[in-house]
Amino acid sequence: ITAQPQAQTVYGDSNVSYSVTAEGKYLTYQWKKDGVELASETNATLNITDANATLHDGNYSVVVSNDFGSEETAQIKVSVSMWYPALISGLKLWLDASDLSIAGVNWIDKSGNENNANKNGSPAIVTNIQNGLSAMSYLGVASDYHEWSDINDIRTVFWVIRANPTNTGWMLADDNQHHFHGDTFFWNTSPSGSVTNGVLNVNGTTVNGQTANMNSSLAILSIVSLRTTGNVEASRFSKDRHENFRNWKGELGELMIYNSVLTESEILKTEGYLANKWGLTDNLPTNHPYKDTAP
């Protein structure tokens, strides 16, 4: 065995895979849970679909064999966390590209509100961008964007996002408003004061959106949160109103919009959820409560 299966955070209703790598000829594989062989799990990779604590919590290992003998991996503990962002009230829109393989006509809203985002142009899915997960990619052209019905009472937003160095797009946009107005910085002097006076975090650290360079801050896939000081409006990602030069160039992994003012504890918990899910915990500050454990 040259590479052991690696433990990872597992969230309820998500999909996760564990793999072993071994050298030898004519190898066979048998996965076990709590020492009991799992029927039909005889490949190098074990796939868990729609993770459920009752069904999937336990200690897993795999035996690799051939005619000359066998070796068993160390056990990895699978513990499914049943906390997820929809448990916080006020979730209006949740776009999650992590388990997508193609960019369909509609990006399905996971909030339960059916605020599905219509695809315009050719945004595309990039698979295995981070921690084995997928993200939606935008080329920075006017034709590429996603649009949903207006949400005019936005108070808290989360992104998993990366910016290309030549990006000129905005974090959020609308068909007739420009509340989220960036350029070199996250926000310039034009957007709503509810945005500029809000609390902006990048990877769990508070930054000044009017002095922090957006593209360099988001040079790697990052977790961004914003709590506004009043209601703001958005209906698009990657196209501002009628403009043809404010289009995102980079990737969007997740976007969550709440019409409620999340508490500091709820923001930390959601940042922790995203960081553990996307394998971005190393980017969180050392004192973040969910740097080492998932919520």
Protein backbone atom coordinates (compact mmCIF):
# COMPACT_ATOMS: atom_id res chain seq x y z
CA ILE A 1 0.00 0.00 0.00
CA THR A 2 1.57 3.26 -1.14
CA ALA A 3 -1.20 5.73 -0.27
CA GLN A 4 -3.64 5.28 2.59
CA PRO A 5 -7.26 6.56 2.47
CA GLN A 6 -7.43 10.01 4.02
CA ALA A 7 -10.02 11.13 6.55
CA GLN A 8 -12.09 14.15 5.53
CA THR A 9 -15.09 16.13 6.70
CA VAL A 10 -18.41 14.59 5.68
CA TYR A 11 -21.65 16.56 5.71
CA GLY A 12 -25.13 15.11 5.66
CA ASP A 13 -26.59 14.45 2.19
CA SER A 14 -23.22 15.08 0.52
CA ASN A 15 -21.12 12.69 -1.57
CA VAL A 16 -17.61 11.64 -0.56
CA SER A 17 -14.98 9.20 -1.83
CA TYR A 18 -12.08 7.36 -0.16
CA SER A 19 -9.31 5.71 -2.16
CA VAL A 20 -6.31 3.47 -1.62
CA THR A 21 -3.26 3.12 -3.86
CA ALA A 22 -1.23 -0.08 -3.88
CA GLU A 23 1.54 -1.71 -5.92
CA GLY A 24 1.33 -5.28 -7.12
CA LYS A 25 -0.23 -7.50 -9.77
CA TYR A 26 -3.77 -8.82 -9.92
CA LEU A 27 -4.88 -6.89 -6.85
CA THR A 28 -8.31 -7.23 -5.28
CA TYR A 29 -9.93 -4.90 -2.77
CA GLN A 30 -12.39 -5.38 0.06
CA TRP A 31 -13.66 -2.46 2.12
CA LYS A 32 -14.76 -2.94 5.72
CA LYS A 33 -16.86 -0.91 8.13
CA ASP A 34 -16.22 -1.57 11.82
CA GLY A 35 -14.38 -4.74 10.82
CA VAL A 36 -17.27 -6.16 8.77
CA GLU A 37 -16.88 -6.61 5.01
CA LEU A 38 -19.08 -4.31 2.92
CA ALA A 39 -20.91 -6.20 0.20
CA SER A 40 -19.99 -5.15 -3.35
CA GLU A 41 -17.38 -2.61 -2.15
CA THR A 42 -14.50 -4.27 -3.97
CA ASN A 43 -12.84 -1.39 -5.81
CA ALA A 44 -9.88 0.83 -4.91
CA THR A 45 -12.33 3.67 -4.27
CA LEU A 46 -15.24 3.65 -1.84
CA ASN A 47 -18.03 6.07 -2.76
CA ILE A 48 -20.52 7.25 -0.15
CA THR A 49 -23.61 8.90 -1.64
CA ASP A 50 -26.08 11.05 0.30
CA ALA A 51 -24.12 10.64 3.53
CA ASN A 52 -26.23 9.81 6.56
CA ALA A 53 -24.95 9.47 10.11
CA THR A 54 -27.12 6.43 10.86
CA LEU A 55 -25.94 4.53 7.79
CA HIS A 56 -22.37 5.72 7.38
CA ASP A 57 -20.80 6.66 10.71
CA GLY A 58 -18.06 4.18 11.60
CA ASN A 59 -14.45 3.10 11.14
CA TYR A 60 -13.47 2.11 7.61
CA SER A 61 -10.51 0.20 6.19
CA VAL A 62 -9.71 -1.73 3.01
CA VAL A 63 -7.86 -5.01 2.52
CA VAL A 64 -5.70 -5.23 -0.61
CA SER A 65 -4.88 -8.77 -1.70
CA ASN A 66 -3.39 -10.98 -4.38
CA ASP A 67 -2.16 -14.59 -4.51
CA PHE A 68 0.91 -13.69 -2.46
CA GLY A 69 -0.85 -12.20 0.53
CA SER A 70 -2.80 -9.20 1.78
CA GLU A 71 -2.39 -5.86 3.55
CA GLU A 72 -5.00 -3.81 5.39
CA THR A 73 -4.99 -0.02 5.63
CA ALA A 74 -5.26 1.90 8.87
CA GLN A 75 -8.82 2.67 9.90
CA ILE A 76 -10.32 6.05 9.07
CA LYS A 77 -13.20 7.40 11.11
CA VAL A 78 -16.26 8.64 9.22
CA SER A 79 -18.49 10.93 11.27
CA VAL A 80 -21.27 12.66 9.35
CA SER A 81 -22.06 16.19 10.50
CA MET A 82 -25.74 17.03 10.16
CA TRP A 83 -25.24 20.82 10.45
CA TYR A 84 -25.68 22.74 7.20
CA PRO A 85 -26.38 26.38 6.24
CA ALA A 86 -30.12 25.94 5.66
CA LEU A 87 -30.55 25.44 9.40
CA ILE A 88 -30.05 29.21 9.74
CA SER A 89 -33.25 31.11 9.01
CA GLY A 90 -33.39 33.54 6.12
CA LEU A 91 -31.54 31.57 3.44
CA LYS A 92 -32.97 32.88 0.15
CA LEU A 93 -30.51 31.51 -2.41
CA TRP A 94 -27.92 28.74 -2.31
CA LEU A 95 -25.97 27.98 -5.47
CA ASP A 96 -23.54 25.10 -4.97
CA ALA A 97 -21.32 23.88 -7.82
CA SER A 98 -19.38 21.37 -5.73
CA ASP A 99 -21.17 18.27 -7.01
CA LEU A 100 -21.97 19.44 -10.55
CA SER A 101 -20.44 17.85 -13.63
CA ILE A 102 -22.02 20.14 -16.24
CA ALA A 103 -23.44 23.66 -16.27
CA GLY A 104 -27.08 23.10 -17.13
CA VAL A 105 -29.64 25.62 -18.35
CA ASN A 106 -30.54 26.31 -14.71
CA TRP A 107 -28.31 26.29 -11.66
CA ILE A 108 -30.64 24.73 -9.09
CA ASP A 109 -31.17 26.68 -5.87
CA LYS A 110 -30.57 24.44 -2.82
CA SER A 111 -32.27 26.82 -0.39
CA GLY A 112 -35.70 25.34 -1.11
CA ASN A 113 -37.02 28.65 -2.47
CA GLU A 114 -36.66 27.67 -6.15
CA ASN A 115 -34.63 30.79 -6.94
CA ASN A 116 -32.92 28.85 -9.71
CA ALA A 117 -30.29 30.81 -11.63
CA ASN A 118 -30.63 30.90 -15.41
CA LYS A 119 -27.41 30.41 -17.36
CA ASN A 120 -26.55 33.01 -19.99
CA GLY A 121 -23.67 32.48 -22.38
CA SER A 122 -21.18 29.72 -21.64
CA PRO A 123 -20.24 29.48 -17.96
CA ALA A 124 -18.68 26.02 -17.55
CA ILE A 125 -17.97 23.56 -14.78
CA VAL A 126 -14.35 22.90 -13.84
CA THR A 127 -14.13 19.57 -12.02
CA ASN A 128 -11.74 18.71 -9.19
CA ILE A 129 -10.76 22.34 -8.67
CA GLN A 130 -10.34 22.00 -4.89
CA ASN A 131 -10.71 19.04 -2.51
CA GLY A 132 -12.20 16.98 -5.34
CA LEU A 133 -15.06 19.47 -5.80
CA SER A 134 -16.27 21.38 -8.87
CA ALA A 135 -16.72 25.11 -9.45
CA MET A 136 -18.44 27.30 -12.06
CA SER A 137 -15.98 29.11 -14.32
CA TYR A 138 -16.54 32.50 -15.98
CA LEU A 139 -14.36 33.96 -18.74
CA GLY A 140 -14.99 37.64 -18.00
CA VAL A 141 -17.08 38.21 -21.11
CA ALA A 142 -20.40 40.07 -21.19
CA SER A 143 -22.40 37.07 -22.35
CA ASP A 144 -21.43 34.82 -19.41
CA TYR A 145 -23.53 35.21 -16.27
CA HIS A 146 -26.21 33.64 -14.08
CA GLU A 147 -29.44 35.45 -13.21
CA TRP A 148 -32.22 34.84 -10.69
CA SER A 149 -35.31 36.72 -9.51
CA ASP A 150 -34.55 39.96 -7.66
CA ILE A 151 -33.71 39.62 -3.98
CA ASN A 152 -34.08 43.14 -2.58
CA ASP A 153 -33.61 42.51 1.14
CA ILE A 154 -30.11 40.96 1.20
CA ARG A 155 -28.37 41.19 4.57
CA THR A 156 -25.72 38.42 4.67
CA VAL A 157 -23.80 36.79 1.80
CA PHE A 158 -21.19 34.03 1.53
CA TRP A 159 -19.03 33.21 -1.48
CA VAL A 160 -16.50 30.49 -2.28
CA ILE A 161 -14.71 32.30 -5.05
CA ARG A 162 -11.46 32.88 -6.97
CA ALA A 163 -10.53 35.86 -9.15
CA ASN A 164 -8.27 35.79 -12.19
CA PRO A 165 -5.54 38.50 -11.95
CA THR A 166 -7.20 40.34 -14.87
CA ASN A 167 -10.71 40.13 -13.42
CA THR A 168 -12.80 43.32 -13.64
CA GLY A 169 -16.07 41.83 -12.41
CA TRP A 170 -18.14 42.48 -9.30
CA MET A 171 -18.87 40.13 -6.41
CA LEU A 172 -22.62 40.49 -7.06
CA ALA A 173 -24.65 42.49 -9.54
CA ASP A 174 -28.19 43.34 -10.58
CA ASP A 175 -30.25 44.22 -13.63
CA ASN A 176 -30.99 47.78 -12.44
CA GLN A 177 -28.97 48.46 -9.25
CA HIS A 178 -25.25 48.71 -8.48
CA HIS A 179 -25.12 48.08 -4.75
CA PHE A 180 -22.12 45.73 -5.02
CA HIS A 181 -19.67 47.90 -6.91
CA GLY A 182 -16.01 46.89 -7.04
CA ASP A 183 -13.05 47.57 -9.29
CA THR A 184 -9.47 47.46 -8.03
CA PHE A 185 -10.91 47.10 -4.52
CA PHE A 186 -13.89 45.05 -3.32
CA TRP A 187 -16.01 48.21 -3.14
CA ASN A 188 -15.29 51.68 -4.47
CA THR A 189 -17.11 54.87 -3.49
CA SER A 190 -20.20 54.18 -5.60
CA PRO A 191 -21.97 51.21 -3.98
CA SER A 192 -24.59 51.31 -1.30
CA GLY A 193 -23.39 52.45 2.11
CA SER A 194 -25.05 49.33 3.48
CA VAL A 195 -22.30 47.39 1.69
CA THR A 196 -19.30 49.63 2.35
CA ASN A 197 -20.23 50.01 6.03
CA GLY A 198 -20.84 46.29 6.45
CA VAL A 199 -18.46 43.64 7.80
CA LEU A 200 -16.40 41.93 5.06
CA ASN A 201 -14.36 38.81 5.87
CA VAL A 202 -11.90 37.03 3.59
CA ASN A 203 -11.01 33.56 4.86
CA GLY A 204 -12.27 34.50 8.32
CA THR A 205 -10.30 37.74 8.65
CA THR A 206 -12.06 41.11 8.52
CA VAL A 207 -10.81 43.43 5.76
CA ASN A 208 -11.66 46.94 4.60
CA GLY A 209 -13.48 46.47 1.30
CA GLN A 210 -12.50 49.94 0.10
CA THR A 211 -8.76 49.45 0.57
CA ALA A 212 -8.26 45.68 0.11
CA ASN A 213 -7.33 44.67 -3.44
CA MET A 214 -10.01 42.25 -4.62
CA ASN A 215 -8.08 40.18 -7.17
CA SER A 216 -4.96 39.69 -5.06
CA SER A 217 -7.09 38.89 -2.00
CA LEU A 218 -8.91 36.22 -4.04
CA ALA A 219 -5.91 34.90 -5.97
CA ILE A 220 -6.69 31.43 -4.59
CA LEU A 221 -10.09 29.93 -3.94
CA SER A 222 -11.32 31.78 -0.85
CA ILE A 223 -14.24 32.09 1.53
CA VAL A 224 -15.80 35.56 1.62
CA SER A 225 -18.59 36.73 3.91
CA LEU A 226 -20.43 40.03 4.05
CA ARG A 227 -22.93 41.28 6.61
CA THR A 228 -24.55 44.50 5.41
CA THR A 229 -25.98 47.34 7.51
CA GLY A 230 -29.22 47.53 5.50
CA ASN A 231 -31.16 45.90 2.69
CA VAL A 232 -29.43 45.66 -0.70
CA GLU A 233 -30.50 44.10 -4.00
CA ALA A 234 -28.96 41.61 -6.42
CA SER A 235 -30.17 39.32 -9.17
CA ARG A 236 -27.00 38.29 -10.99
CA PHE A 237 -23.55 36.89 -10.72
CA SER A 238 -21.09 38.13 -13.36
CA LYS A 239 -22.93 40.90 -15.20
CA ASP A 240 -23.72 44.43 -14.04
CA ARG A 241 -26.94 45.88 -15.51
CA HIS A 242 -26.37 46.77 -19.20
CA GLU A 243 -22.58 47.07 -18.87
CA ASN A 244 -20.28 44.86 -20.93
CA PHE A 245 -17.05 45.22 -18.96
CA ARG A 246 -17.91 44.29 -15.36
CA ASN A 247 -17.97 40.52 -15.73
CA TRP A 248 -16.35 38.02 -13.40
CA LYS A 249 -13.24 36.21 -14.60
CA GLY A 250 -12.53 33.28 -12.34
CA GLU A 251 -14.51 30.64 -10.47
CA LEU A 252 -17.51 30.52 -8.15
CA GLY A 253 -17.87 27.43 -5.98
CA GLU A 254 -20.78 28.47 -3.78
CA LEU A 255 -23.00 31.49 -3.24
CA MET A 256 -25.38 31.83 -0.28
CA ILE A 257 -27.66 34.83 0.23
CA TYR A 258 -29.65 35.45 3.42
CA ASN A 259 -32.25 38.13 4.07
CA SER A 260 -31.45 37.87 7.78
CA VAL A 261 -28.62 39.47 9.75
CA LEU A 262 -26.51 36.51 10.83
CA THR A 263 -24.90 36.64 14.25
CA GLU A 264 -21.13 36.47 14.64
CA SER A 265 -21.51 32.86 15.80
CA GLU A 266 -23.57 31.95 12.72
CA ILE A 267 -21.05 33.59 10.40
CA LEU A 268 -18.17 31.70 12.02
CA LYS A 269 -20.11 28.44 11.76
CA THR A 270 -20.88 28.97 8.06
CA GLU A 271 -17.27 29.94 7.32
CA GLY A 272 -16.20 26.76 9.12
CA TYR A 273 -18.66 24.67 7.14
CA LEU A 274 -17.35 26.03 3.84
CA ALA A 275 -13.69 25.79 4.84
CA ASN A 276 -14.00 22.15 5.93
CA LYS A 277 -16.09 21.22 2.91
CA TRP A 278 -13.72 22.81 0.38
CA GLY A 279 -10.46 21.87 2.13
CA LEU A 280 -9.62 25.52 2.89
CA THR A 281 -9.11 25.33 6.66
CA ASP A 282 -5.41 26.21 6.31
CA ASN A 283 -6.51 29.68 5.17
CA LEU A 284 -8.49 30.38 8.34
CA PRO A 285 -6.80 32.28 11.19
CA THR A 286 -5.42 30.16 14.01
CA ASN A 287 -8.09 31.35 16.44
CA HIS A 288 -11.02 30.48 14.19
CA PRO A 289 -13.24 28.06 16.18
CA TYR A 290 -13.74 25.74 13.18
CA LYS A 291 -10.20 25.63 11.84
CA ASP A 292 -9.61 22.13 13.21
CA THR A 293 -13.14 20.77 13.56
CA ALA A 294 -16.24 21.12 11.43
CA PRO A 295 -19.39 22.73 12.90
